[in-house]
Amino acid sequence: MDDQDILQRIQGLVEEERELREKAESAAPGPEHAPDRTRLKRIEEDLDQCWDLLRQRRAKLQYGENPDEAAPRPVRQVEDYRG
């Protein structure tokens, strides 16, 4: 997966997140929306991982290393990361 692939994945996730949030805002709260909340959480985790992988790749490239050696890290390691 190269930088362009990662950016396309990020774009797709952001679009899906936006659609789910708009849907949630226009719907009445209730247990039937639990799958949407679960999916939103997973999207947030996936985005954290994608951004982290992109940062890893760019750092490796900057320091003359092979960006293809960067690998996704576990969600627990990257969640809520602010860089």
N, C-alpha and C. Protein backbone atom coordinates (compact mmCIF):
# COMPACT_ATOMS: atom_id res chain seq x y z
N MET A 1 0.85 -1.17 0.00
CA MET A 1 0.00 0.00 0.00
C MET A 1 0.90 1.23 0.00
N ASP A 2 0.76 2.08 -1.02
CA ASP A 2 1.57 3.29 -1.07
C ASP A 2 0.78 4.49 -0.52
N ASP A 3 1.42 5.65 -0.50
CA ASP A 3 0.78 6.84 0.08
C ASP A 3 -0.55 7.15 -0.59
N GLN A 4 -0.61 7.03 -1.92
CA GLN A 4 -1.84 7.34 -2.64
C GLN A 4 -2.96 6.38 -2.22
N ASP A 5 -2.64 5.10 -2.07
CA ASP A 5 -3.63 4.12 -1.62
C ASP A 5 -4.16 4.48 -0.22
N ILE A 6 -3.24 4.87 0.65
CA ILE A 6 -3.62 5.22 2.02
C ILE A 6 -4.52 6.46 2.00
N LEU A 7 -4.15 7.46 1.20
CA LEU A 7 -4.96 8.68 1.12
C LEU A 7 -6.34 8.40 0.55
N GLN A 8 -6.43 7.50 -0.42
CA GLN A 8 -7.74 7.13 -0.96
C GLN A 8 -8.57 6.41 0.09
N ARG A 9 -7.93 5.56 0.87
CA ARG A 9 -8.63 4.85 1.96
C ARG A 9 -9.15 5.87 2.97
N ILE A 10 -8.30 6.83 3.34
CA ILE A 10 -8.70 7.88 4.28
C ILE A 10 -9.91 8.65 3.72
N GLN A 11 -9.84 9.02 2.46
CA GLN A 11 -10.94 9.77 1.84
C GLN A 11 -12.23 8.97 1.89
N GLY A 12 -12.17 7.68 1.60
CA GLY A 12 -13.36 6.84 1.65
C GLY A 12 -13.93 6.74 3.05
N LEU A 13 -13.05 6.58 4.04
CA LEU A 13 -13.50 6.48 5.43
C LEU A 13 -14.12 7.79 5.90
N VAL A 14 -13.52 8.91 5.54
CA VAL A 14 -14.05 10.22 5.93
C VAL A 14 -15.44 10.42 5.33
N GLU A 15 -15.60 10.03 4.08
CA GLU A 15 -16.91 10.17 3.44
C GLU A 15 -17.95 9.29 4.13
N GLU A 16 -17.58 8.06 4.42
CA GLU A 16 -18.52 7.17 5.12
C GLU A 16 -18.87 7.71 6.50
N GLU A 17 -17.85 8.23 7.21
CA GLU A 17 -18.09 8.80 8.53
C GLU A 17 -19.06 9.99 8.44
N ARG A 18 -18.86 10.85 7.47
CA ARG A 18 -19.73 12.01 7.28
C ARG A 18 -21.17 11.57 7.03
N GLU A 19 -21.34 10.59 6.17
CA GLU A 19 -22.69 10.09 5.86
C GLU A 19 -23.36 9.50 7.11
N LEU A 20 -22.62 8.73 7.88
CA LEU A 20 -23.20 8.13 9.08
C LEU A 20 -23.56 9.19 10.12
N ARG A 21 -22.71 10.20 10.25
CA ARG A 21 -23.00 11.27 11.22
C ARG A 21 -24.22 12.09 10.79
N GLU A 22 -24.34 12.36 9.50
CA GLU A 22 -25.52 13.08 9.01
C GLU A 22 -26.78 12.25 9.24
N LYS A 23 -26.69 10.98 8.99
CA LYS A 23 -27.82 10.08 9.21
C LYS A 23 -28.21 10.06 10.69
N ALA A 24 -27.22 10.02 11.56
CA ALA A 24 -27.47 9.99 13.00
C ALA A 24 -28.11 11.30 13.48
N GLU A 25 -27.69 12.42 12.91
CA GLU A 25 -28.26 13.71 13.31
C GLU A 25 -29.72 13.84 12.92
N SER A 26 -30.10 13.22 11.82
CA SER A 26 -31.47 13.36 11.34
C SER A 26 -32.40 12.29 11.88
N ALA A 27 -31.87 11.32 12.61
CA ALA A 27 -32.69 10.21 13.13
C ALA A 27 -32.93 10.39 14.62
N ALA A 28 -34.02 9.82 15.08
CA ALA A 28 -34.31 9.82 16.51
C ALA A 28 -33.36 8.84 17.20
N PRO A 29 -32.89 9.18 18.40
CA PRO A 29 -31.99 8.27 19.11
C PRO A 29 -32.70 6.98 19.48
N GLY A 30 -31.96 5.90 19.50
CA GLY A 30 -32.56 4.62 19.88
C GLY A 30 -31.60 3.48 19.64
N PRO A 31 -31.96 2.30 20.14
CA PRO A 31 -31.07 1.14 20.02
C PRO A 31 -30.87 0.67 18.58
N GLU A 32 -31.78 1.04 17.69
CA GLU A 32 -31.63 0.62 16.30
C GLU A 32 -30.44 1.28 15.62
N HIS A 33 -29.87 2.31 16.24
CA HIS A 33 -28.71 3.01 15.68
C HIS A 33 -27.38 2.50 16.27
N ALA A 34 -27.44 1.47 17.08
CA ALA A 34 -26.22 0.90 17.66
C ALA A 34 -25.23 0.43 16.59
N PRO A 35 -25.70 -0.21 15.49
CA PRO A 35 -24.73 -0.61 14.46
C PRO A 35 -24.01 0.59 13.85
N ASP A 36 -24.72 1.72 13.70
CA ASP A 36 -24.07 2.92 13.16
C ASP A 36 -23.00 3.43 14.13
N ARG A 37 -23.30 3.42 15.41
CA ARG A 37 -22.31 3.87 16.41
C ARG A 37 -21.11 2.94 16.42
N THR A 38 -21.37 1.65 16.29
CA THR A 38 -20.28 0.67 16.24
C THR A 38 -19.42 0.91 15.00
N ARG A 39 -20.07 1.14 13.88
CA ARG A 39 -19.33 1.39 12.63
C ARG A 39 -18.55 2.70 12.72
N LEU A 40 -19.12 3.73 13.33
CA LEU A 40 -18.40 4.99 13.49
C LEU A 40 -17.13 4.80 14.32
N LYS A 41 -17.25 4.03 15.38
CA LYS A 41 -16.06 3.75 16.22
C LYS A 41 -14.99 3.06 15.39
N ARG A 42 -15.39 2.08 14.60
CA ARG A 42 -14.43 1.34 13.78
C ARG A 42 -13.80 2.25 12.73
N ILE A 43 -14.60 3.15 12.15
CA ILE A 43 -14.06 4.09 11.18
C ILE A 43 -13.01 4.98 11.84
N GLU A 44 -13.31 5.48 13.03
CA GLU A 44 -12.34 6.32 13.75
C GLU A 44 -11.04 5.57 14.00
N GLU A 45 -11.15 4.31 14.39
CA GLU A 45 -9.95 3.50 14.63
C GLU A 45 -9.17 3.28 13.33
N ASP A 46 -9.90 2.98 12.25
CA ASP A 46 -9.25 2.79 10.95
C ASP A 46 -8.54 4.06 10.50
N LEU A 47 -9.18 5.20 10.72
CA LEU A 47 -8.55 6.47 10.35
C LEU A 47 -7.28 6.71 11.15
N ASP A 48 -7.32 6.44 12.45
CA ASP A 48 -6.12 6.58 13.28
C ASP A 48 -4.99 5.72 12.72
N GLN A 49 -5.31 4.49 12.35
CA GLN A 49 -4.29 3.59 11.81
C GLN A 49 -3.76 4.09 10.46
N CYS A 50 -4.64 4.56 9.60
CA CYS A 50 -4.21 5.05 8.29
C CYS A 50 -3.30 6.27 8.43
N TRP A 51 -3.71 7.22 9.26
CA TRP A 51 -2.88 8.42 9.45
C TRP A 51 -1.53 8.05 10.05
N ASP A 52 -1.53 7.12 10.99
CA ASP A 52 -0.27 6.68 11.59
C ASP A 52 0.63 6.02 10.55
N LEU A 53 0.06 5.16 9.72
CA LEU A 53 0.84 4.50 8.67
C LEU A 53 1.40 5.52 7.69
N LEU A 54 0.61 6.50 7.32
CA LEU A 54 1.09 7.54 6.42
C LEU A 54 2.24 8.32 7.05
N ARG A 55 2.12 8.66 8.33
CA ARG A 55 3.21 9.36 9.03
C ARG A 55 4.47 8.50 9.07
N GLN A 56 4.30 7.20 9.34
CA GLN A 56 5.46 6.30 9.37
C GLN A 56 6.16 6.28 8.01
N ARG A 57 5.37 6.14 6.95
CA ARG A 57 5.93 6.08 5.59
C ARG A 57 6.69 7.36 5.26
N ARG A 58 6.10 8.49 5.59
CA ARG A 58 6.75 9.78 5.28
C ARG A 58 8.02 9.98 6.10
N ALA A 59 8.01 9.54 7.35
CA ALA A 59 9.21 9.65 8.18
C ALA A 59 10.33 8.76 7.64
N LYS A 60 9.98 7.54 7.25
CA LYS A 60 11.00 6.65 6.68
C LYS A 60 11.60 7.25 5.41
N LEU A 61 10.76 7.78 4.56
CA LEU A 61 11.23 8.39 3.33
C LEU A 61 12.14 9.59 3.63
N GLN A 62 11.74 10.40 4.58
CA GLN A 62 12.52 11.58 4.96
C GLN A 62 13.91 11.20 5.45
N TYR A 63 14.03 10.07 6.12
CA TYR A 63 15.31 9.66 6.68
C TYR A 63 16.02 8.60 5.85
N GLY A 64 15.63 8.50 4.58
CA GLY A 64 16.33 7.64 3.65
C GLY A 64 16.05 6.15 3.82
N GLU A 65 14.98 5.83 4.50
CA GLU A 65 14.61 4.43 4.69
C GLU A 65 13.52 4.06 3.69
N ASN A 66 13.26 2.77 3.59
CA ASN A 66 12.24 2.28 2.66
C ASN A 66 10.85 2.45 3.27
N PRO A 67 10.01 3.30 2.68
CA PRO A 67 8.67 3.51 3.25
C PRO A 67 7.81 2.26 3.21
N ASP A 68 8.13 1.32 2.33
CA ASP A 68 7.35 0.09 2.25
C ASP A 68 7.57 -0.82 3.46
N GLU A 69 8.55 -0.50 4.28
CA GLU A 69 8.78 -1.26 5.50
C GLU A 69 7.87 -0.82 6.65
N ALA A 70 7.16 0.29 6.45
CA ALA A 70 6.20 0.75 7.47
C ALA A 70 5.04 -0.23 7.51
N ALA A 71 4.51 -0.44 8.70
CA ALA A 71 3.41 -1.39 8.86
C ALA A 71 2.36 -0.80 9.78
N PRO A 72 1.10 -1.15 9.54
CA PRO A 72 0.05 -0.67 10.43
C PRO A 72 0.29 -1.15 11.86
N ARG A 73 0.08 -0.26 12.80
CA ARG A 73 0.22 -0.62 14.20
C ARG A 73 -1.15 -0.93 14.79
N PRO A 74 -1.18 -1.65 15.90
CA PRO A 74 -2.46 -1.99 16.52
C PRO A 74 -3.26 -0.74 16.90
N VAL A 75 -4.57 -0.87 16.87
CA VAL A 75 -5.45 0.25 17.20
C VAL A 75 -5.12 0.84 18.56
N ARG A 76 -4.89 -0.02 19.53
CA ARG A 76 -4.59 0.49 20.88
C ARG A 76 -3.39 1.40 20.90
N GLN A 77 -2.42 1.13 20.03
CA GLN A 77 -1.20 1.92 20.01
C GLN A 77 -1.42 3.28 19.35
N VAL A 78 -2.31 3.35 18.38
CA VAL A 78 -2.46 4.60 17.63
C VAL A 78 -3.74 5.38 17.94
N GLU A 79 -4.68 4.80 18.66
CA GLU A 79 -5.93 5.52 18.88
C GLU A 79 -5.69 6.78 19.69
N ASP A 80 -6.41 7.80 19.30
CA ASP A 80 -6.32 9.12 19.92
C ASP A 80 -4.94 9.75 19.79
N TYR A 81 -4.13 9.26 18.89
CA TYR A 81 -2.81 9.85 18.66
C TYR A 81 -2.97 11.21 18.02
N ARG A 82 -2.29 12.16 18.52
CA ARG A 82 -2.31 13.49 17.91
C ARG A 82 -0.85 13.86 17.65
N GLY A 83 -0.52 13.99 16.38
CA GLY A 83 0.86 14.22 16.01
C GLY A 83 1.18 15.54 15.55
